[in-house]
PDB file of N, CA and C in Angstrom:
ATOM      1  N   UNK A   1     -10.438  59.628  10.070  1.00  0.00           N
ATOM      2  CA  UNK A   1     -10.686  58.459   9.032  1.00  0.00           C
ATOM      3  C   UNK A   1     -12.143  57.952   9.446  1.00  0.00           C
ATOM      4  N   UNK A   2     -13.056  57.471   8.875  1.00  0.00           N
ATOM      5  CA  UNK A   2     -14.023  57.536   9.167  1.00  0.00           C
ATOM      6  C   UNK A   2     -14.268  56.018   9.273  1.00  0.00           C
ATOM      7  N   UNK A   3     -15.512  55.487  10.096  1.00  0.00           N
ATOM      8  CA  UNK A   3     -15.462  54.314  10.472  1.00  0.00           C
ATOM      9  C   UNK A   3     -15.790  52.908   9.536  1.00  0.00           C
ATOM     10  N   UNK A   4     -15.941  53.056   8.058  1.00  0.00           N
ATOM     11  CA  UNK A   4     -15.822  52.448   7.127  1.00  0.00           C
ATOM     12  C   UNK A   4     -14.026  52.743   6.867  1.00  0.00           C
ATOM     13  N   UNK A   5     -12.973  53.206   6.263  1.00  0.00           N
ATOM     14  CA  UNK A   5     -12.059  52.823   5.941  1.00  0.00           C
ATOM     15  C   UNK A   5     -11.355  51.662   7.345  1.00  0.00           C
ATOM     16  N   UNK A   6     -11.726  52.579   8.870  1.00  0.00           N
ATOM     17  CA  UNK A   6     -11.393  51.528   9.757  1.00  0.00           C
ATOM     18  C   UNK A   6     -11.129  49.955   9.294  1.00  0.00           C
ATOM     19  N   UNK A   7     -12.519  50.266   8.962  1.00  0.00           N
ATOM     20  CA  UNK A   7     -13.203  48.278   8.908  1.00  0.00           C
ATOM     21  C   UNK A   7     -12.430  47.633   7.729  1.00  0.00           C
ATOM     22  N   UNK A   8     -12.428  48.539   6.559  1.00  0.00           N
ATOM     23  CA  UNK A   8     -12.039  48.024   5.752  1.00  0.00           C
ATOM     24  C   UNK A   8     -10.259  47.649   6.205  1.00  0.00           C
ATOM     25  N   UNK A   9      -9.899  48.593   6.613  1.00  0.00           N
ATOM     26  CA  UNK A   9      -8.252  48.515   7.159  1.00  0.00           C
ATOM     27  C   UNK A   9      -8.311  46.845   7.768  1.00  0.00           C
ATOM     28  N   UNK A  10      -8.704  46.924   8.819  1.00  0.00           N
ATOM     29  CA  UNK A  10      -9.373  45.731   9.670  1.00  0.00           C
ATOM     30  C   UNK A  10      -9.201  45.026   8.816  1.00  0.00           C
ATOM     31  N   UNK A  11      -9.618  44.574   7.655  1.00  0.00           N
ATOM     32  CA  UNK A  11     -10.235  42.424   7.443  1.00  0.00           C
ATOM     33  C   UNK A  11      -9.054  43.069   6.061  1.00  0.00           C
ATOM     34  N   UNK A  12      -8.466  43.867   5.744  1.00  0.00           N
ATOM     35  CA  UNK A  12      -6.975  43.715   4.730  1.00  0.00           C
ATOM     36  C   UNK A  12      -5.888  43.478   5.427  1.00  0.00           C
ATOM     37  N   UNK A  13      -6.105  44.113   7.073  1.00  0.00           N
ATOM     38  CA  UNK A  13      -5.566  43.618   7.585  1.00  0.00           C
ATOM     39  C   UNK A  13      -5.067  42.341   8.330  1.00  0.00           C
ATOM     40  N   UNK A  14      -6.405  41.054   8.709  1.00  0.00           N
ATOM     41  CA  UNK A  14      -6.810  40.403   8.998  1.00  0.00           C
ATOM     42  C   UNK A  14      -6.448  39.285   7.758  1.00  0.00           C
ATOM     43  N   UNK A  15      -6.508  39.528   6.909  1.00  0.00           N
ATOM     44  CA  UNK A  15      -5.893  38.539   5.133  1.00  0.00           C
ATOM     45  C   UNK A  15      -5.060  38.893   5.722  1.00  0.00           C
ATOM     46  N   UNK A  16      -4.096  39.730   5.829  1.00  0.00           N
ATOM     47  CA  UNK A  16      -2.940  39.891   5.542  1.00  0.00           C
ATOM     48  C   UNK A  16      -2.664  38.418   6.483  1.00  0.00           C
ATOM     49  N   UNK A  17      -2.626  39.100   7.677  1.00  0.00           N
ATOM     50  CA  UNK A  17      -1.940  38.055   8.280  1.00  0.00           C
ATOM     51  C   UNK A  17      -2.288  36.712   8.231  1.00  0.00           C
ATOM     52  N   UNK A  18      -3.627  36.290   7.675  1.00  0.00           N
ATOM     53  CA  UNK A  18      -4.214  35.256   8.028  1.00  0.00           C
ATOM     54  C   UNK A  18      -3.284  34.529   6.738  1.00  0.00           C
ATOM     55  N   UNK A  19      -2.795  35.092   5.498  1.00  0.00           N
ATOM     56  CA  UNK A  19      -2.619  34.442   4.424  1.00  0.00           C
ATOM     57  C   UNK A  19      -0.905  33.863   4.457  1.00  0.00           C
ATOM     58  N   UNK A  20      -0.062  35.062   5.620  1.00  0.00           N
ATOM     59  CA  UNK A  20       1.150  34.909   6.226  1.00  0.00           C
ATOM     60  C   UNK A  20       1.269  33.731   6.830  1.00  0.00           C
ATOM     61  N   UNK A  21      -0.445  33.431   7.742  1.00  0.00           N
ATOM     62  CA  UNK A  21       0.409  32.298   8.968  1.00  0.00           C
ATOM     63  C   UNK A  21      -0.112  30.637   8.624  1.00  0.00           C
ATOM     64  N   UNK A  22      -1.375  31.257   7.386  1.00  0.00           N
ATOM     65  CA  UNK A  22      -1.662  29.735   6.390  1.00  0.00           C
ATOM     66  C   UNK A  22      -0.386  29.365   5.261  1.00  0.00           C
ATOM     67  N   UNK A  23       0.237  30.023   5.394  1.00  0.00           N
ATOM     68  CA  UNK A  23       1.847  30.422   4.045  1.00  0.00           C
ATOM     69  C   UNK A  23       2.634  29.284   4.680  1.00  0.00           C
ATOM     70  N   UNK A  24       3.101  29.716   5.877  1.00  0.00           N
ATOM     71  CA  UNK A  24       4.133  29.433   7.291  1.00  0.00           C
ATOM     72  C   UNK A  24       3.668  27.887   7.519  1.00  0.00           C
ATOM     73  N   UNK A  25       2.299  27.518   7.449  1.00  0.00           N
ATOM     74  CA  UNK A  25       1.900  25.873   8.058  1.00  0.00           C
ATOM     75  C   UNK A  25       1.601  25.061   7.467  1.00  0.00           C
ATOM     76  N   UNK A  26       1.230  25.740   6.167  1.00  0.00           N
ATOM     77  CA  UNK A  26       1.339  24.722   4.333  1.00  0.00           C
ATOM     78  C   UNK A  26       2.720  24.115   3.887  1.00  0.00           C
ATOM     79  N   UNK A  27       3.657  25.338   4.301  1.00  0.00           N
ATOM     80  CA  UNK A  27       4.992  24.929   4.227  1.00  0.00           C
ATOM     81  C   UNK A  27       5.641  23.438   5.053  1.00  0.00           C
ATOM     82  N   UNK A  28       5.584  24.399   6.259  1.00  0.00           N
ATOM     83  CA  UNK A  28       6.080  23.251   6.606  1.00  0.00           C
ATOM     84  C   UNK A  28       5.419  22.258   6.862  1.00  0.00           C
ATOM     85  N   UNK A  29       3.964  21.775   6.623  1.00  0.00           N
ATOM     86  CA  UNK A  29       3.498  20.555   6.502  1.00  0.00           C
ATOM     87  C   UNK A  29       3.387  19.502   4.955  1.00  0.00           C
ATOM     88  N   UNK A  30       4.019  20.305   4.166  1.00  0.00           N
ATOM     89  CA  UNK A  30       4.362  20.516   3.042  1.00  0.00           C
ATOM     90  C   UNK A  30       5.968  19.652   2.951  1.00  0.00           C
ATOM     91  N   UNK A  31       6.217  20.459   3.850  1.00  0.00           N
ATOM     92  CA  UNK A  31       8.440  19.335   3.966  1.00  0.00           C
ATOM     93  C   UNK A  31       8.101  18.383   4.566  1.00  0.00           C
ATOM     94  N   UNK A  32       6.995  18.164   6.411  1.00  0.00           N
ATOM     95  CA  UNK A  32       6.947  16.900   6.349  1.00  0.00           C
ATOM     96  C   UNK A  32       6.093  15.737   5.583  1.00  0.00           C
ATOM     97  N   UNK A  33       5.784  16.103   5.193  1.00  0.00           N
ATOM     98  CA  UNK A  33       5.269  15.034   3.875  1.00  0.00           C
ATOM     99  C   UNK A  33       5.352  14.672   2.749  1.00  0.00           C
ATOM    100  N   UNK A  34       6.390  15.209   2.070  1.00  0.00           N
ATOM    101  CA  UNK A  34       7.582  15.398   1.425  1.00  0.00           C
ATOM    102  C   UNK A  34       8.690  13.689   2.143  1.00  0.00           C
ATOM    103  N   UNK A  35       8.840  14.244   3.042  1.00  0.00           N
ATOM    104  CA  UNK A  35      10.121  13.258   4.012  1.00  0.00           C
ATOM    105  C   UNK A  35       9.579  12.522   4.200  1.00  0.00           C
ATOM    106  N   UNK A  36       8.395  11.990   4.205  1.00  0.00           N
ATOM    107  CA  UNK A  36       7.457  10.902   4.877  1.00  0.00           C
ATOM    108  C   UNK A  36       6.990   9.778   3.424  1.00  0.00           C
ATOM    109  N   UNK A  37       6.953  10.899   2.486  1.00  0.00           N
ATOM    110  CA  UNK A  37       6.778  10.393   0.805  1.00  0.00           C
ATOM    111  C   UNK A  37       7.739   9.869   0.774  1.00  0.00           C
ATOM    112  N   UNK A  38       8.781  10.161   0.379  1.00  0.00           N
ATOM    113  CA  UNK A  38      10.085   9.600   1.123  1.00  0.00           C
ATOM    114  C   UNK A  38      10.968   8.819   1.458  1.00  0.00           C
ATOM    115  N   UNK A  39      10.597   8.969   2.803  1.00  0.00           N
ATOM    116  CA  UNK A  39      10.938   7.743   3.735  1.00  0.00           C
ATOM    117  C   UNK A  39      10.241   6.043   2.898  1.00  0.00           C
ATOM    118  N   UNK A  40       8.871   6.140   2.573  1.00  0.00           N
ATOM    119  CA  UNK A  40       8.080   5.258   2.094  1.00  0.00           C
ATOM    120  C   UNK A  40       8.830   4.798   0.880  1.00  0.00           C
ATOM    121  N   UNK A  41       8.962   5.435  -0.031  1.00  0.00           N
ATOM    122  CA  UNK A  41       9.020   5.200  -0.864  1.00  0.00           C
ATOM    123  C   UNK A  41      10.524   4.657  -0.849  1.00  0.00           C
ATOM    124  N   UNK A  42      11.790   4.718  -0.497  1.00  0.00           N
ATOM    125  CA  UNK A  42      12.974   4.007   0.281  1.00  0.00           C
ATOM    126  C   UNK A  42      12.201   2.799   0.826  1.00  0.00           C
ATOM    127  N   UNK A  43      11.125   2.530   1.599  1.00  0.00           N
ATOM    128  CA  UNK A  43      10.867   1.450   2.129  1.00  0.00           C
ATOM    129  C   UNK A  43      10.465   0.398   1.400  1.00  0.00           C
ATOM    130  N   UNK A  44       8.838   1.083   0.041  1.00  0.00           N
ATOM    131  CA  UNK A  44       8.894   0.571  -1.077  1.00  0.00           C
ATOM    132  C   UNK A  44       9.743  -0.355  -2.053  1.00  0.00           C
ATOM    133  N   UNK A  45      10.529   0.342  -2.206  1.00  0.00           N
ATOM    134  CA  UNK A  45      11.858  -0.152  -2.885  1.00  0.00           C
ATOM    135  C   UNK A  45      12.564  -1.497  -2.449  1.00  0.00           C
ATOM    136  N   UNK A  46      12.738  -1.303  -0.886  1.00  0.00           N
ATOM    137  CA  UNK A  46      13.461  -2.134  -0.057  1.00  0.00           C
ATOM    138  C   UNK A  46      12.070  -3.455  -0.456  1.00  0.00           C
ATOM    139  N   UNK A  47      10.992  -3.351  -0.304  1.00  0.00           N
ATOM    140  CA  UNK A  47      10.016  -4.876  -0.376  1.00  0.00           C
ATOM    141  C   UNK A  47      10.137  -4.844  -1.345  1.00  0.00           C
ATOM    142  N   UNK A  48       9.849  -3.900  -2.634  1.00  0.00           N
ATOM    143  CA  UNK A  48      10.024  -4.919  -4.068  1.00  0.00           C
ATOM    144  C   UNK A  48      11.393  -5.533  -3.997  1.00  0.00           C
ATOM    145  N   UNK A  49      12.436  -5.285  -3.409  1.00  0.00           N
ATOM    146  CA  UNK A  49      13.622  -6.238  -3.852  1.00  0.00           C
ATOM    147  C   UNK A  49      13.730  -7.315  -3.347  1.00  0.00           C
ATOM    148  N   UNK A  50      12.909  -7.545  -1.891  1.00  0.00           N
ATOM    149  CA  UNK A  50      12.889  -8.631  -0.797  1.00  0.00           C
ATOM    150  C   UNK A  50      11.840  -9.616  -2.382  1.00  0.00           C
ATOM    151  N   UNK A  51      10.102  -9.267  -2.383  1.00  0.00           N
ATOM    152  CA  UNK A  51       9.362 -10.214  -3.168  1.00  0.00           C
ATOM    153  C   UNK A  51       9.983 -10.248  -4.439  1.00  0.00           C
ATOM    154  N   UNK A  52      10.865  -9.977  -4.974  1.00  0.00           N
ATOM    155  CA  UNK A  52      10.959 -10.167  -6.360  1.00  0.00           C
ATOM    156  C   UNK A  52      12.355 -11.265  -6.002  1.00  0.00           C
ATOM    157  N   UNK A  53      13.269 -11.152  -5.323  1.00  0.00           N
ATOM    158  CA  UNK A  53      14.507 -12.296  -5.286  1.00  0.00           C
ATOM    159  C   UNK A  53      13.425 -13.281  -4.354  1.00  0.00           C
ATOM    160  N   UNK A  54      12.236 -13.326  -3.606  1.00  0.00           N
ATOM    161  CA  UNK A  54      11.362 -14.265  -3.183  1.00  0.00           C
ATOM    162  C   UNK A  54      10.982 -15.581  -4.514  1.00  0.00           C
ATOM    163  N   UNK A  55      10.066 -14.243  -5.120  1.00  0.00           N
ATOM    164  CA  UNK A  55       9.670 -14.661  -6.824  1.00  0.00           C
ATOM    165  C   UNK A  55      10.622 -15.828  -7.366  1.00  0.00           C
ATOM    166  N   UNK A  56      12.117 -14.858  -7.359  1.00  0.00           N
ATOM    167  CA  UNK A  56      12.729 -15.789  -7.698  1.00  0.00           C
ATOM    168  C   UNK A  56      13.174 -16.953  -7.335  1.00  0.00           C
ATOM    169  N   UNK A  57      13.504 -17.339  -6.576  1.00  0.00           N
ATOM    170  CA  UNK A  57      13.981 -18.252  -5.517  1.00  0.00           C
ATOM    171  C   UNK A  57      12.674 -19.179  -5.378  1.00  0.00           C
ATOM    172  N   UNK A  58      11.768 -18.929  -5.239  1.00  0.00           N
ATOM    173  CA  UNK A  58      10.385 -19.342  -5.850  1.00  0.00           C
ATOM    174  C   UNK A  58      10.116 -20.275  -7.635  1.00  0.00           C
ATOM    175  N   UNK A  59      10.567 -19.717  -8.115  1.00  0.00           N
ATOM    176  CA  UNK A  59      10.300 -20.004  -9.490  1.00  0.00           C
ATOM    177  C   UNK A  59      11.675 -20.688  -9.477  1.00  0.00           C
ATOM    178  N   UNK A  60      12.814 -20.445  -9.309  1.00  0.00           N
ATOM    179  CA  UNK A  60      13.959 -21.668  -9.786  1.00  0.00           C
ATOM    180  C   UNK A  60      14.046 -23.055  -8.604  1.00  0.00           C
ATOM    181  N   UNK A  61      12.973 -22.592  -6.984  1.00  0.00           N
ATOM    182  CA  UNK A  61      13.002 -24.014  -6.898  1.00  0.00           C
ATOM    183  C   UNK A  61      11.776 -24.805  -7.563  1.00  0.00           C
ATOM    184  N   UNK A  62      11.243 -24.369  -8.420  1.00  0.00           N
ATOM    185  CA  UNK A  62       9.877 -24.759  -9.580  1.00  0.00           C
ATOM    186  C   UNK A  62       8.474 -24.864  -8.354  1.00  0.00           C
ATOM    187  N   UNK A  63       8.540 -24.169  -7.567  1.00  0.00           N
ATOM    188  CA  UNK A  63       7.553 -23.841  -6.477  1.00  0.00           C
ATOM    189  C   UNK A  63       6.215 -23.111  -7.232  1.00  0.00           C
ATOM    190  N   UNK A  64       6.408 -22.555  -8.230  1.00  0.00           N
ATOM    191  CA  UNK A  64       5.250 -20.929  -8.744  1.00  0.00           C
ATOM    192  C   UNK A  64       6.124 -21.149 -10.027  1.00  0.00           C
ATOM    193  N   UNK A  65       5.300 -20.814 -10.675  1.00  0.00           N
ATOM    194  CA  UNK A  65       5.647 -20.377 -12.636  1.00  0.00           C
ATOM    195  C   UNK A  65       4.659 -18.727 -12.382  1.00  0.00           C
ATOM    196  N   UNK A  66       5.853 -17.815 -13.264  1.00  0.00           N
ATOM    197  CA  UNK A  66       5.413 -16.467 -13.543  1.00  0.00           C
ATOM    198  C   UNK A  66       6.035 -16.112 -14.520  1.00  0.00           C
ATOM    199  N   UNK A  67       5.052 -14.966 -14.714  1.00  0.00           N
ATOM    200  CA  UNK A  67       4.811 -14.860 -16.038  1.00  0.00           C
ATOM    201  C   UNK A  67       4.922 -12.921 -16.449  1.00  0.00           C
ATOM    202  N   UNK A  68       6.168 -12.795 -16.718  1.00  0.00           N
ATOM    203  CA  UNK A  68       6.703 -11.537 -16.895  1.00  0.00           C
ATOM    204  C   UNK A  68       6.083 -10.723 -18.042  1.00  0.00           C
ATOM    205  N   UNK A  69       6.079  -9.101 -17.328  1.00  0.00           N
ATOM    206  CA  UNK A  69       6.437  -8.301 -18.613  1.00  0.00           C
ATOM    207  C   UNK A  69       7.457  -7.914 -19.420  1.00  0.00           C
ATOM    208  N   UNK A  70       6.952  -7.315 -20.420  1.00  0.00           N
ATOM    209  CA  UNK A  70       7.657  -6.708 -20.924  1.00  0.00           C
ATOM    210  C   UNK A  70       9.401  -6.373 -20.861  1.00  0.00           C
ATOM    211  N   UNK A  71       8.986  -6.186 -19.314  1.00  0.00           N
ATOM    212  CA  UNK A  71      10.860  -5.377 -18.723  1.00  0.00           C
ATOM    213  C   UNK A  71      10.469  -6.618 -17.866  1.00  0.00           C
ATOM    214  N   UNK A  72      10.535  -7.099 -17.515  1.00  0.00           N
ATOM    215  CA  UNK A  72      11.065  -8.642 -16.601  1.00  0.00           C
ATOM    216  C   UNK A  72      10.389  -8.417 -15.351  1.00  0.00           C
ATOM    217  N   UNK A  73       9.304  -7.476 -14.840  1.00  0.00           N
ATOM    218  CA  UNK A  73       8.652  -7.828 -13.846  1.00  0.00           C
ATOM    219  C   UNK A  73       7.868  -8.659 -13.764  1.00  0.00           C
ATOM    220  N   UNK A  74       7.763  -9.548 -12.551  1.00  0.00           N
ATOM    221  CA  UNK A  74       6.646 -10.511 -12.536  1.00  0.00           C
ATOM    222  C   UNK A  74       5.295  -9.529 -12.912  1.00  0.00           C
ATOM    223  N   UNK A  75       3.896 -10.053 -13.133  1.00  0.00           N
ATOM    224  CA  UNK A  75       2.486  -9.478 -13.654  1.00  0.00           C
ATOM    225  C   UNK A  75       1.786 -10.728 -12.675  1.00  0.00           C
ATOM    226  N   UNK A  76       1.858 -11.685 -12.880  1.00  0.00           N
ATOM    227  CA  UNK A  76       1.281 -13.070 -12.769  1.00  0.00           C
ATOM    228  C   UNK A  76       2.181 -14.046 -12.415  1.00  0.00           C
ATOM    229  N   UNK A  77       1.308 -14.487 -11.105  1.00  0.00           N
ATOM    230  CA  UNK A  77       2.359 -16.083 -10.420  1.00  0.00           C
ATOM    231  C   UNK A  77       1.110 -17.041 -10.099  1.00  0.00           C
ATOM    232  N   UNK A  78       1.421 -18.126 -10.781  1.00  0.00           N
ATOM    233  CA  UNK A  78       0.800 -19.628 -10.271  1.00  0.00           C
ATOM    234  C   UNK A  78       1.249 -20.435  -9.591  1.00  0.00           C
ATOM    235  N   UNK A  79       1.079 -20.861  -8.390  1.00  0.00           N
ATOM    236  CA  UNK A  79       1.716 -22.188  -7.415  1.00  0.00           C
ATOM    237  C   UNK A  79       1.527 -23.178  -8.183  1.00  0.00           C
ATOM    238  N   UNK A  80       2.523 -24.030  -8.347  1.00  0.00           N
ATOM    239  CA  UNK A  80       2.651 -25.096  -9.291  1.00  0.00           C
ATOM    240  C   UNK A  80       2.472 -26.010  -8.418  1.00  0.00           C
ATOM    241  N   UNK A  81       3.121 -26.420  -7.382  1.00  0.00           N
ATOM    242  CA  UNK A  81       3.314 -27.448  -5.927  1.00  0.00           C
ATOM    243  C   UNK A  81       3.332 -26.748  -4.984  1.00  0.00           C
ATOM    244  N   UNK A  82       2.372 -27.130  -3.873  1.00  0.00           N
ATOM    245  CA  UNK A  82       2.633 -26.492  -2.457  1.00  0.00           C
ATOM    246  C   UNK A  82       2.326 -27.578  -1.492  1.00  0.00           C
ATOM    247  N   UNK A  83       3.765 -27.368  -0.851  1.00  0.00           N
ATOM    248  CA  UNK A  83       3.595 -28.469   0.420  1.00  0.00           C
ATOM    249  C   UNK A  83       4.402 -27.827   1.498  1.00  0.00           C
ATOM    250  N   UNK A  84       4.840 -29.067   2.421  1.00  0.00           N
ATOM    251  CA  UNK A  84       5.042 -28.456   3.726  1.00  0.00           C
ATOM    252  C   UNK A  84       5.324 -29.553   4.791  1.00  0.00           C
ATOM    253  N   UNK A  85       6.748 -29.139   5.534  1.00  0.00           N
ATOM    254  CA  UNK A  85       6.774 -30.092   6.215  1.00  0.00           C
ATOM    255  C   UNK A  85       6.429 -29.868   7.588  1.00  0.00           C
ATOM    256  N   UNK A  86       6.476 -30.235   8.672  1.00  0.00           N
ATOM    257  CA  UNK A  86       5.839 -29.850  10.205  1.00  0.00           C
ATOM    258  C   UNK A  86       6.386 -30.752  11.247  1.00  0.00           C
ATOM    259  N   UNK A  87       7.460 -30.478  11.235  1.00  0.00           N
ATOM    260  CA  UNK A  87       8.422 -31.744  12.342  1.00  0.00           C
ATOM    261  C   UNK A  87       8.461 -31.175  13.593  1.00  0.00           C
ATOM    262  N   UNK A  88       8.045 -31.914  14.385  1.00  0.00           N
ATOM    263  CA  UNK A  88       7.525 -31.359  16.226  1.00  0.00           C
ATOM    264  C   UNK A  88       8.741 -32.429  16.638  1.00  0.00           C
ATOM    265  N   UNK A  89       7.796 -32.908  17.978  1.00  0.00           N
ATOM    266  CA  UNK A  89       8.674 -33.573  19.009  1.00  0.00           C
ATOM    267  C   UNK A  89       8.176 -34.866  18.450  1.00  0.00           C
ATOM    268  N   UNK A  90       7.363 -35.231  18.145  1.00  0.00           N
ATOM    269  CA  UNK A  90       6.731 -36.373  17.402  1.00  0.00           C
ATOM    270  C   UNK A  90       6.748 -36.897  16.414  1.00  0.00           C
ATOM    271  N   UNK A  91       7.400 -35.936  15.596  1.00  0.00           N
ATOM    272  CA  UNK A  91       8.492 -36.224  14.095  1.00  0.00           C
ATOM    273  C   UNK A  91       6.724 -36.269  13.310  1.00  0.00           C
ATOM    274  N   UNK A  92       6.018 -35.559  13.383  1.00  0.00           N
ATOM    275  CA  UNK A  92       4.693 -35.878  12.983  1.00  0.00           C
ATOM    276  C   UNK A  92       5.216 -34.531  11.745  1.00  0.00           C
ATOM    277  N   UNK A  93       4.590 -34.830   9.961  1.00  0.00           N
ATOM    278  CA  UNK A  93       4.263 -34.042   9.454  1.00  0.00           C
ATOM    279  C   UNK A  93       2.959 -34.017   8.258  1.00  0.00           C
ATOM    280  N   UNK A  94       3.604 -33.184   7.037  1.00  0.00           N
ATOM    281  CA  UNK A  94       2.197 -32.616   6.865  1.00  0.00           C
ATOM    282  C   UNK A  94       2.390 -32.056   5.215  1.00  0.00           C
ATOM    283  N   UNK A  95       1.316 -32.352   4.446  1.00  0.00           N
ATOM    284  CA  UNK A  95       1.387 -31.925   3.079  1.00  0.00           C
ATOM    285  C   UNK A  95      -0.063 -31.029   3.219  1.00  0.00           C
ATOM    286  N   UNK A  96      -0.266 -30.332   3.137  1.00  0.00           N
ATOM    287  CA  UNK A  96      -1.704 -29.412   3.114  1.00  0.00           C
ATOM    288  C   UNK A  96      -2.081 -29.006   1.625  1.00  0.00           C
ATOM    289  N   UNK A  97      -2.654 -29.780   1.833  1.00  0.00           N
ATOM    290  CA  UNK A  97      -3.459 -29.039   0.339  1.00  0.00           C
ATOM    291  C   UNK A  97      -4.315 -28.171  -0.334  1.00  0.00           C
ATOM    292  N   UNK A  98      -4.164 -27.003  -1.751  1.00  0.00           N
ATOM    293  CA  UNK A  98      -5.336 -26.696  -1.811  1.00  0.00           C
ATOM    294  C   UNK A  98      -6.730 -27.041  -2.247  1.00  0.00           C
ATOM    295  N   UNK A  99      -7.729 -26.948  -2.189  1.00  0.00           N
ATOM    296  CA  UNK A  99      -9.147 -26.686  -3.079  1.00  0.00           C
ATOM    297  C   UNK A  99      -9.512 -25.441  -3.198  1.00  0.00           C
ATOM    298  N   UNK A 100      -9.793 -25.835  -3.923  1.00  0.00           N
ATOM    299  CA  UNK A 100     -10.781 -23.832  -4.743  1.00  0.00           C
ATOM    300  C   UNK A 100     -12.371 -24.658  -4.156  1.00  0.00           C
ATOM    301  N   UNK A 101     -12.673 -23.583  -4.201  1.00  0.00           N
ATOM    302  CA  UNK A 101     -13.794 -23.204  -3.268  1.00  0.00           C
ATOM    303  C   UNK A 101     -14.963 -22.923  -4.347  1.00  0.00           C
ATOM    304  N   UNK A 102     -15.948 -23.398  -4.220  1.00  0.00           N
ATOM    305  CA  UNK A 102     -16.930 -23.142  -5.388  1.00  0.00           C
ATOM    306  C   UNK A 102     -17.388 -21.104  -5.094  1.00  0.00           C
ATOM    307  N   UNK A 103     -17.764 -20.687  -6.054  1.00  0.00           N
ATOM    308  CA  UNK A 103     -18.139 -19.716  -5.836  1.00  0.00           C
ATOM    309  C   UNK A 103     -19.652 -19.157  -4.823  1.00  0.00           C
ATOM    310  N   UNK A 104     -19.586 -18.054  -4.203  1.00  0.00           N
ATOM    311  CA  UNK A 104     -20.058 -17.823  -3.354  1.00  0.00           C
ATOM    312  C   UNK A 104     -21.051 -16.360  -3.997  1.00  0.00           C
ATOM    313  N   UNK A 105     -22.509 -16.814  -4.053  1.00  0.00           N
ATOM    314  CA  UNK A 105     -23.245 -15.706  -3.713  1.00  0.00           C
ATOM    315  C   UNK A 105     -23.141 -14.140  -3.511  1.00  0.00           C
ATOM    316  N   UNK A 106     -22.804 -13.003  -3.785  1.00  0.00           N
ATOM    317  CA  UNK A 106     -22.513 -11.624  -3.287  1.00  0.00           C
ATOM    318  C   UNK A 106     -23.063 -11.619  -2.418  1.00  0.00           C
ATOM    319  N   UNK A 107     -22.252 -11.203  -1.578  1.00  0.00           N
ATOM    320  CA  UNK A 107     -22.880 -10.573   0.282  1.00  0.00           C
ATOM    321  C   UNK A 107     -24.602 -10.034   0.376  1.00  0.00           C
ATOM    322  N   UNK A 108     -24.646  -9.758  -0.690  1.00  0.00           N
ATOM    323  CA  UNK A 108     -25.813  -8.534  -0.573  1.00  0.00           C
ATOM    324  C   UNK A 108     -27.273  -9.503  -1.075  1.00  0.00           C
ATOM    325  N   UNK A 109     -26.548 -10.760  -2.014  1.00  0.00           N
ATOM    326  CA  UNK A 109     -27.547 -11.228  -1.850  1.00  0.00           C
ATOM    327  C   UNK A 109     -27.868 -12.250  -0.748  1.00  0.00           C
ATOM    328  N   UNK A 110     -26.869 -12.724  -0.614  1.00  0.00           N
ATOM    329  CA  UNK A 110     -27.044 -14.207   0.761  1.00  0.00           C
ATOM    330  C   UNK A 110     -28.120 -13.066   1.644  1.00  0.00           C
ATOM    331  N   UNK A 111     -27.636 -11.903   1.757  1.00  0.00           N
ATOM    332  CA  UNK A 111     -28.183 -11.056   2.680  1.00  0.00           C
ATOM    333  C   UNK A 111     -29.592 -10.902   2.472  1.00  0.00           C
ATOM    334  N   UNK A 112     -29.938 -10.440   1.624  1.00  0.00           N
ATOM    335  CA  UNK A 112     -31.072 -10.136   1.241  1.00  0.00           C
ATOM    336  C   UNK A 112     -32.469 -10.779   0.517  1.00  0.00           C
ATOM    337  N   UNK A 113     -31.655 -12.162   0.404  1.00  0.00           N
ATOM    338  CA  UNK A 113     -31.973 -12.460  -0.994  1.00  0.00           C
ATOM    339  C   UNK A 113     -32.038 -12.638  -2.184  1.00  0.00           C
ATOM    340  N   UNK A 114     -32.410 -13.508  -3.055  1.00  0.00           N
ATOM    341  CA  UNK A 114     -31.913 -12.772  -4.658  1.00  0.00           C
ATOM    342  C   UNK A 114     -31.071 -13.909  -5.768  1.00  0.00           C
TER     343      UNK A 114
END
């Protein structure tokens, strides 16, 4: 056999070995990724459940107004009343006020003028 055929055989053999190794590690990574995505999906559903419960409680208490889509999912919330009491040793209380800030210029205009 000539050197040419040895070179071709080496290249083909190297390609096959590389393909097998790549396949093995890609399957392993894919399995890990699927497991991680499944875990995140479950956690997201748990968080969604708690958020929906919190929105329902706040809406029932009259603290927020909720606009829902046709499936009943909240798509927009608006704060109706914001109040809090802070109790301490002195028995102090506070009622925070929400003020809207005036619109600011974009950061690039503040930085570079204009």
